[in-house]
């Protein structure tokens, strides 16, 4: 289901700035009632203007690398 975004406010920008590192864009969008695209647009616009927004803290783990590590530990590789 596509969610139509509303106009972005200064409070939205402040919330995204403060919470982007710890929350996903989807979580922020749901909380604010805007689209995920708008959250990403806020981040991109702030970065373009020189605001230092930290990268995501929880990076996705590559399951293939993890599997290969387990095989090496077991001595099967």
PDB file of N, CA and C in Angstrom:
ATOM      1  N   UNK A   1       0.838  -1.179   0.000  1.00  0.00           N
ATOM      2  CA  UNK A   1       0.000   0.000   0.000  1.00  0.00           C
ATOM      3  C   UNK A   1       0.883   1.242   0.000  1.00  0.00           C
ATOM      4  N   UNK A   2       0.655   2.115  -0.919  1.00  0.00           N
ATOM      5  CA  UNK A   2       1.457   3.330  -1.032  1.00  0.00           C
ATOM      6  C   UNK A   2       0.882   4.398  -0.121  1.00  0.00           C
ATOM      7  N   UNK A   3       1.757   5.006   0.656  1.00  0.00           N
ATOM      8  CA  UNK A   3       1.342   6.041   1.583  1.00  0.00           C
ATOM      9  C   UNK A   3       1.663   7.393   0.989  1.00  0.00           C
ATOM     10  N   UNK A   4       0.699   8.254   0.916  1.00  0.00           N
ATOM     11  CA  UNK A   4       0.946   9.575   0.371  1.00  0.00           C
ATOM     12  C   UNK A   4       1.520  10.467   1.467  1.00  0.00           C
ATOM     13  N   UNK A   5       2.604  11.114   1.151  1.00  0.00           N
ATOM     14  CA  UNK A   5       3.280  11.960   2.126  1.00  0.00           C
ATOM     15  C   UNK A   5       2.612  13.312   2.281  1.00  0.00           C
ATOM     16  N   UNK A   6       2.820  13.915   3.414  1.00  0.00           N
ATOM     17  CA  UNK A   6       2.310  15.262   3.662  1.00  0.00           C
ATOM     18  C   UNK A   6       3.479  16.240   3.574  1.00  0.00           C
ATOM     19  N   UNK A   7       3.218  17.520   3.737  1.00  0.00           N
ATOM     20  CA  UNK A   7       4.264  18.529   3.689  1.00  0.00           C
ATOM     21  C   UNK A   7       5.192  18.365   4.889  1.00  0.00           C
ATOM     22  N   UNK A   8       6.473  18.499   4.650  1.00  0.00           N
ATOM     23  CA  UNK A   8       7.482  18.337   5.704  1.00  0.00           C
ATOM     24  C   UNK A   8       7.585  19.625   6.516  1.00  0.00           C
ATOM     25  N   UNK A   9       7.664  19.478   7.839  1.00  0.00           N
ATOM     26  CA  UNK A   9       7.792  20.627   8.732  1.00  0.00           C
ATOM     27  C   UNK A   9       9.196  20.658   9.339  1.00  0.00           C
ATOM     28  N   UNK A  10       9.516  21.754   9.992  1.00  0.00           N
ATOM     29  CA  UNK A  10      10.822  21.872  10.642  1.00  0.00           C
ATOM     30  C   UNK A  10      10.953  20.867  11.780  1.00  0.00           C
ATOM     31  N   UNK A  11       9.838  20.535  12.425  1.00  0.00           N
ATOM     32  CA  UNK A  11       9.864  19.522  13.488  1.00  0.00           C
ATOM     33  C   UNK A  11      10.223  18.151  12.915  1.00  0.00           C
ATOM     34  N   UNK A  12       9.725  17.866  11.706  1.00  0.00           N
ATOM     35  CA  UNK A  12      10.057  16.605  11.032  1.00  0.00           C
ATOM     36  C   UNK A  12      11.561  16.527  10.770  1.00  0.00           C
ATOM     37  N   UNK A  13      12.122  17.616  10.262  1.00  0.00           N
ATOM     38  CA  UNK A  13      13.548  17.653   9.940  1.00  0.00           C
ATOM     39  C   UNK A  13      14.361  17.444  11.220  1.00  0.00           C
ATOM     40  N   UNK A  14      13.962  18.102  12.294  1.00  0.00           N
ATOM     41  CA  UNK A  14      14.668  17.965  13.570  1.00  0.00           C
ATOM     42  C   UNK A  14      14.597  16.527  14.083  1.00  0.00           C
ATOM     43  N   UNK A  15      13.411  15.905  13.988  1.00  0.00           N
ATOM     44  CA  UNK A  15      13.238  14.528  14.448  1.00  0.00           C
ATOM     45  C   UNK A  15      14.103  13.572  13.635  1.00  0.00           C
ATOM     46  N   UNK A  16      14.133  13.741  12.321  1.00  0.00           N
ATOM     47  CA  UNK A  16      14.958  12.888  11.456  1.00  0.00           C
ATOM     48  C   UNK A  16      16.426  13.066  11.815  1.00  0.00           C
ATOM     49  N   UNK A  17      16.862  14.304  11.999  1.00  0.00           N
ATOM     50  CA  UNK A  17      18.261  14.582  12.344  1.00  0.00           C
ATOM     51  C   UNK A  17      18.651  13.888  13.648  1.00  0.00           C
ATOM     52  N   UNK A  18      17.778  13.934  14.641  1.00  0.00           N
ATOM     53  CA  UNK A  18      18.099  13.378  15.960  1.00  0.00           C
ATOM     54  C   UNK A  18      17.997  11.856  16.015  1.00  0.00           C
ATOM     55  N   UNK A  19      17.188  11.240  15.156  1.00  0.00           N
ATOM     56  CA  UNK A  19      16.908   9.817  15.286  1.00  0.00           C
ATOM     57  C   UNK A  19      17.365   8.944  14.125  1.00  0.00           C
ATOM     58  N   UNK A  20      17.942   9.527  13.087  1.00  0.00           N
ATOM     59  CA  UNK A  20      18.261   8.762  11.880  1.00  0.00           C
ATOM     60  C   UNK A  20      19.260   7.637  12.130  1.00  0.00           C
ATOM     61  N   UNK A  21      20.228   7.846  13.006  1.00  0.00           N
ATOM     62  CA  UNK A  21      21.259   6.831  13.242  1.00  0.00           C
ATOM     63  C   UNK A  21      20.695   5.610  13.966  1.00  0.00           C
ATOM     64  N   UNK A  22      19.658   5.800  14.764  1.00  0.00           N
ATOM     65  CA  UNK A  22      19.145   4.714  15.598  1.00  0.00           C
ATOM     66  C   UNK A  22      17.849   4.088  15.115  1.00  0.00           C
ATOM     67  N   UNK A  23      17.193   4.713  14.159  1.00  0.00           N
ATOM     68  CA  UNK A  23      15.918   4.191  13.656  1.00  0.00           C
ATOM     69  C   UNK A  23      16.004   4.012  12.145  1.00  0.00           C
ATOM     70  N   UNK A  24      15.207   3.101  11.625  1.00  0.00           N
ATOM     71  CA  UNK A  24      15.161   2.936  10.176  1.00  0.00           C
ATOM     72  C   UNK A  24      14.296   4.047   9.577  1.00  0.00           C
ATOM     73  N   UNK A  25      14.472   4.278   8.292  1.00  0.00           N
ATOM     74  CA  UNK A  25      13.675   5.290   7.605  1.00  0.00           C
ATOM     75  C   UNK A  25      12.190   4.933   7.680  1.00  0.00           C
ATOM     76  N   UNK A  26      11.886   3.646   7.628  1.00  0.00           N
ATOM     77  CA  UNK A  26      10.485   3.208   7.714  1.00  0.00           C
ATOM     78  C   UNK A  26       9.890   3.527   9.079  1.00  0.00           C
ATOM     79  N   UNK A  27      10.661   3.292  10.128  1.00  0.00           N
ATOM     80  CA  UNK A  27      10.180   3.587  11.488  1.00  0.00           C
ATOM     81  C   UNK A  27       9.939   5.082  11.667  1.00  0.00           C
ATOM     82  N   UNK A  28      10.869   5.892  11.182  1.00  0.00           N
ATOM     83  CA  UNK A  28      10.722   7.339  11.284  1.00  0.00           C
ATOM     84  C   UNK A  28       9.504   7.799  10.489  1.00  0.00           C
ATOM     85  N   UNK A  29       9.359   7.273   9.275  1.00  0.00           N
ATOM     86  CA  UNK A  29       8.235   7.654   8.425  1.00  0.00           C
ATOM     87  C   UNK A  29       6.898   7.311   9.090  1.00  0.00           C
ATOM     88  N   UNK A  30       6.827   6.136   9.681  1.00  0.00           N
ATOM     89  CA  UNK A  30       5.587   5.721  10.339  1.00  0.00           C
ATOM     90  C   UNK A  30       5.269   6.622  11.526  1.00  0.00           C
ATOM     91  N   UNK A  31       6.289   6.951  12.301  1.00  0.00           N
ATOM     92  CA  UNK A  31       6.106   7.783  13.488  1.00  0.00           C
ATOM     93  C   UNK A  31       5.654   9.199  13.117  1.00  0.00           C
ATOM     94  N   UNK A  32       6.225   9.738  12.040  1.00  0.00           N
ATOM     95  CA  UNK A  32       5.918  11.108  11.640  1.00  0.00           C
ATOM     96  C   UNK A  32       4.718  11.222  10.707  1.00  0.00           C
ATOM     97  N   UNK A  33       4.338  10.119  10.087  1.00  0.00           N
ATOM     98  CA  UNK A  33       3.222  10.167   9.142  1.00  0.00           C
ATOM     99  C   UNK A  33       3.626  10.698   7.780  1.00  0.00           C
ATOM    100  N   UNK A  34       4.894  10.508   7.425  1.00  0.00           N
ATOM    101  CA  UNK A  34       5.378  10.892   6.100  1.00  0.00           C
ATOM    102  C   UNK A  34       5.884   9.625   5.409  1.00  0.00           C
ATOM    103  N   UNK A  35       6.260   9.761   4.148  1.00  0.00           N
ATOM    104  CA  UNK A  35       6.729   8.587   3.422  1.00  0.00           C
ATOM    105  C   UNK A  35       8.214   8.345   3.693  1.00  0.00           C
ATOM    106  N   UNK A  36       8.639   7.111   3.454  1.00  0.00           N
ATOM    107  CA  UNK A  36      10.049   6.746   3.607  1.00  0.00           C
ATOM    108  C   UNK A  36      10.899   7.565   2.632  1.00  0.00           C
ATOM    109  N   UNK A  37      10.368   7.815   1.462  1.00  0.00           N
ATOM    110  CA  UNK A  37      11.062   8.628   0.468  1.00  0.00           C
ATOM    111  C   UNK A  37      11.336  10.023   1.021  1.00  0.00           C
ATOM    112  N   UNK A  38      10.355  10.602   1.724  1.00  0.00           N
ATOM    113  CA  UNK A  38      10.539  11.940   2.287  1.00  0.00           C
ATOM    114  C   UNK A  38      11.622  11.941   3.373  1.00  0.00           C
ATOM    115  N   UNK A  39      11.689  10.868   4.165  1.00  0.00           N
ATOM    116  CA  UNK A  39      12.734  10.761   5.189  1.00  0.00           C
ATOM    117  C   UNK A  39      14.098  10.762   4.517  1.00  0.00           C
ATOM    118  N   UNK A  40      14.257   9.956   3.468  1.00  0.00           N
ATOM    119  CA  UNK A  40      15.527   9.894   2.752  1.00  0.00           C
ATOM    120  C   UNK A  40      15.850  11.227   2.075  1.00  0.00           C
ATOM    121  N   UNK A  41      14.843  11.916   1.596  1.00  0.00           N
ATOM    122  CA  UNK A  41      15.045  13.225   0.978  1.00  0.00           C
ATOM    123  C   UNK A  41      15.545  14.236   2.006  1.00  0.00           C
ATOM    124  N   UNK A  42      14.978  14.200   3.222  1.00  0.00           N
ATOM    125  CA  UNK A  42      15.437  15.093   4.290  1.00  0.00           C
ATOM    126  C   UNK A  42      16.915  14.845   4.574  1.00  0.00           C
ATOM    127  N   UNK A  43      17.286  13.573   4.717  1.00  0.00           N
ATOM    128  CA  UNK A  43      18.681  13.221   5.008  1.00  0.00           C
ATOM    129  C   UNK A  43      19.594  13.695   3.883  1.00  0.00           C
ATOM    130  N   UNK A  44      19.217  13.434   2.644  1.00  0.00           N
ATOM    131  CA  UNK A  44      20.046  13.842   1.499  1.00  0.00           C
ATOM    132  C   UNK A  44      20.196  15.356   1.422  1.00  0.00           C
ATOM    133  N   UNK A  45      19.101  16.089   1.653  1.00  0.00           N
ATOM    134  CA  UNK A  45      19.151  17.552   1.599  1.00  0.00           C
ATOM    135  C   UNK A  45      20.039  18.114   2.709  1.00  0.00           C
ATOM    136  N   UNK A  46      19.948  17.547   3.911  1.00  0.00           N
ATOM    137  CA  UNK A  46      20.783  18.024   5.011  1.00  0.00           C
ATOM    138  C   UNK A  46      22.259  17.745   4.732  1.00  0.00           C
ATOM    139  N   UNK A  47      22.555  16.560   4.221  1.00  0.00           N
ATOM    140  CA  UNK A  47      23.949  16.223   3.889  1.00  0.00           C
ATOM    141  C   UNK A  47      24.484  17.138   2.798  1.00  0.00           C
ATOM    142  N   UNK A  48      23.627  17.465   1.825  1.00  0.00           N
ATOM    143  CA  UNK A  48      24.023  18.344   0.732  1.00  0.00           C
ATOM    144  C   UNK A  48      24.388  19.740   1.255  1.00  0.00           C
ATOM    145  N   UNK A  49      23.736  20.136   2.346  1.00  0.00           N
ATOM    146  CA  UNK A  49      23.973  21.450   2.935  1.00  0.00           C
ATOM    147  C   UNK A  49      25.071  21.429   3.997  1.00  0.00           C
ATOM    148  N   UNK A  50      25.775  20.298   4.128  1.00  0.00           N
ATOM    149  CA  UNK A  50      26.921  20.228   5.012  1.00  0.00           C
ATOM    150  C   UNK A  50      26.626  19.770   6.435  1.00  0.00           C
ATOM    151  N   UNK A  51      25.404  19.318   6.701  1.00  0.00           N
ATOM    152  CA  UNK A  51      25.070  18.825   8.036  1.00  0.00           C
ATOM    153  C   UNK A  51      25.585  17.397   8.163  1.00  0.00           C
ATOM    154  N   UNK A  52      26.286  17.126   9.253  1.00  0.00           N
ATOM    155  CA  UNK A  52      26.868  15.806   9.462  1.00  0.00           C
ATOM    156  C   UNK A  52      25.851  14.887  10.123  1.00  0.00           C
ATOM    157  N   UNK A  53      25.188  14.068   9.319  1.00  0.00           N
ATOM    158  CA  UNK A  53      24.253  13.080   9.843  1.00  0.00           C
ATOM    159  C   UNK A  53      24.979  11.745   9.858  1.00  0.00           C
ATOM    160  N   UNK A  54      25.063  11.111  11.041  1.00  0.00           N
ATOM    161  CA  UNK A  54      25.812   9.853  11.120  1.00  0.00           C
ATOM    162  C   UNK A  54      25.175   8.752  10.293  1.00  0.00           C
ATOM    163  N   UNK A  55      26.024   7.854   9.826  1.00  0.00           N
ATOM    164  CA  UNK A  55      25.536   6.683   9.098  1.00  0.00           C
ATOM    165  C   UNK A  55      24.779   5.788  10.061  1.00  0.00           C
ATOM    166  N   UNK A  56      24.081   4.827   9.532  1.00  0.00           N
ATOM    167  CA  UNK A  56      23.334   3.878  10.355  1.00  0.00           C
ATOM    168  C   UNK A  56      24.278   3.106  11.256  1.00  0.00           C
ATOM    169  N   UNK A  57      23.841   2.849  12.473  1.00  0.00           N
ATOM    170  CA  UNK A  57      24.655   2.101  13.431  1.00  0.00           C
ATOM    171  C   UNK A  57      24.533   0.603  13.164  1.00  0.00           C
ATOM    172  N   UNK A  58      23.325   0.115  13.054  1.00  0.00           N
ATOM    173  CA  UNK A  58      23.114  -1.319  12.854  1.00  0.00           C
ATOM    174  C   UNK A  58      23.180  -1.696  11.394  1.00  0.00           C
ATOM    175  N   UNK A  59      24.333  -2.103  10.941  1.00  0.00           N
ATOM    176  CA  UNK A  59      24.485  -2.511   9.549  1.00  0.00           C
ATOM    177  C   UNK A  59      24.037  -3.959   9.390  1.00  0.00           C
ATOM    178  N   UNK A  60      23.538  -4.271   8.221  1.00  0.00           N
ATOM    179  CA  UNK A  60      23.107  -5.636   7.946  1.00  0.00           C
ATOM    180  C   UNK A  60      24.318  -6.559   7.878  1.00  0.00           C
ATOM    181  N   UNK A  61      24.166  -7.739   8.423  1.00  0.00           N
ATOM    182  CA  UNK A  61      25.244  -8.717   8.427  1.00  0.00           C
ATOM    183  C   UNK A  61      25.102  -9.589   7.188  1.00  0.00           C
ATOM    184  N   UNK A  62      26.216  -9.820   6.517  1.00  0.00           N
ATOM    185  CA  UNK A  62      26.202 -10.663   5.341  1.00  0.00           C
ATOM    186  C   UNK A  62      26.157 -12.119   5.792  1.00  0.00           C
ATOM    187  N   UNK A  63      25.046 -12.813   5.540  1.00  0.00           N
ATOM    188  CA  UNK A  63      24.871 -14.185   6.020  1.00  0.00           C
ATOM    189  C   UNK A  63      25.823 -15.159   5.342  1.00  0.00           C
ATOM    190  N   UNK A  64      26.235 -14.881   4.128  1.00  0.00           N
ATOM    191  CA  UNK A  64      27.156 -15.769   3.419  1.00  0.00           C
ATOM    192  C   UNK A  64      28.525 -15.756   4.087  1.00  0.00           C
ATOM    193  N   UNK A  65      29.001 -14.548   4.455  1.00  0.00           N
ATOM    194  CA  UNK A  65      30.282 -14.452   5.153  1.00  0.00           C
ATOM    195  C   UNK A  65      30.222 -15.183   6.486  1.00  0.00           C
ATOM    196  N   UNK A  66      29.118 -15.043   7.174  1.00  0.00           N
ATOM    197  CA  UNK A  66      28.945 -15.711   8.455  1.00  0.00           C
ATOM    198  C   UNK A  66      28.978 -17.232   8.304  1.00  0.00           C
ATOM    199  N   UNK A  67      28.316 -17.734   7.273  1.00  0.00           N
ATOM    200  CA  UNK A  67      28.269 -19.164   7.012  1.00  0.00           C
ATOM    201  C   UNK A  67      29.659 -19.706   6.708  1.00  0.00           C
ATOM    202  N   UNK A  68      30.424 -18.982   5.888  1.00  0.00           N
ATOM    203  CA  UNK A  68      31.783 -19.401   5.537  1.00  0.00           C
ATOM    204  C   UNK A  68      32.662 -19.416   6.788  1.00  0.00           C
ATOM    205  N   UNK A  69      32.499 -18.428   7.659  1.00  0.00           N
ATOM    206  CA  UNK A  69      33.263 -18.402   8.910  1.00  0.00           C
ATOM    207  C   UNK A  69      32.965 -19.630   9.764  1.00  0.00           C
ATOM    208  N   UNK A  70      31.686 -20.012   9.841  1.00  0.00           N
ATOM    209  CA  UNK A  70      31.302 -21.194  10.619  1.00  0.00           C
ATOM    210  C   UNK A  70      31.914 -22.460  10.035  1.00  0.00           C
ATOM    211  N   UNK A  71      31.930 -22.570   8.705  1.00  0.00           N
ATOM    212  CA  UNK A  71      32.533 -23.722   8.064  1.00  0.00           C
ATOM    213  C   UNK A  71      34.028 -23.796   8.359  1.00  0.00           C
ATOM    214  N   UNK A  72      34.691 -22.650   8.337  1.00  0.00           N
ATOM    215  CA  UNK A  72      36.128 -22.622   8.642  1.00  0.00           C
ATOM    216  C   UNK A  72      36.383 -23.045  10.076  1.00  0.00           C
ATOM    217  N   UNK A  73      35.538 -22.611  11.008  1.00  0.00           N
ATOM    218  CA  UNK A  73      35.690 -22.977  12.408  1.00  0.00           C
ATOM    219  C   UNK A  73      35.537 -24.481  12.616  1.00  0.00           C
ATOM    220  N   UNK A  74      34.622 -25.068  11.855  1.00  0.00           N
ATOM    221  CA  UNK A  74      34.382 -26.505  11.967  1.00  0.00           C
ATOM    222  C   UNK A  74      35.436 -27.320  11.207  1.00  0.00           C
ATOM    223  N   UNK A  75      36.278 -26.639  10.451  1.00  0.00           N
ATOM    224  CA  UNK A  75      37.328 -27.321   9.709  1.00  0.00           C
ATOM    225  C   UNK A  75      36.845 -27.955   8.425  1.00  0.00           C
ATOM    226  N   UNK A  76      35.718 -27.524   7.905  1.00  0.00           N
ATOM    227  CA  UNK A  76      35.196 -28.087   6.676  1.00  0.00           C
ATOM    228  C   UNK A  76      35.600 -27.285   5.456  1.00  0.00           C
ATOM    229  N   UNK A  77      36.359 -26.271   5.658  1.00  0.00           N
ATOM    230  CA  UNK A  77      36.852 -25.459   4.525  1.00  0.00           C
ATOM    231  C   UNK A  77      38.340 -25.261   4.635  1.00  0.00           C
TER     232      UNK A  77
END
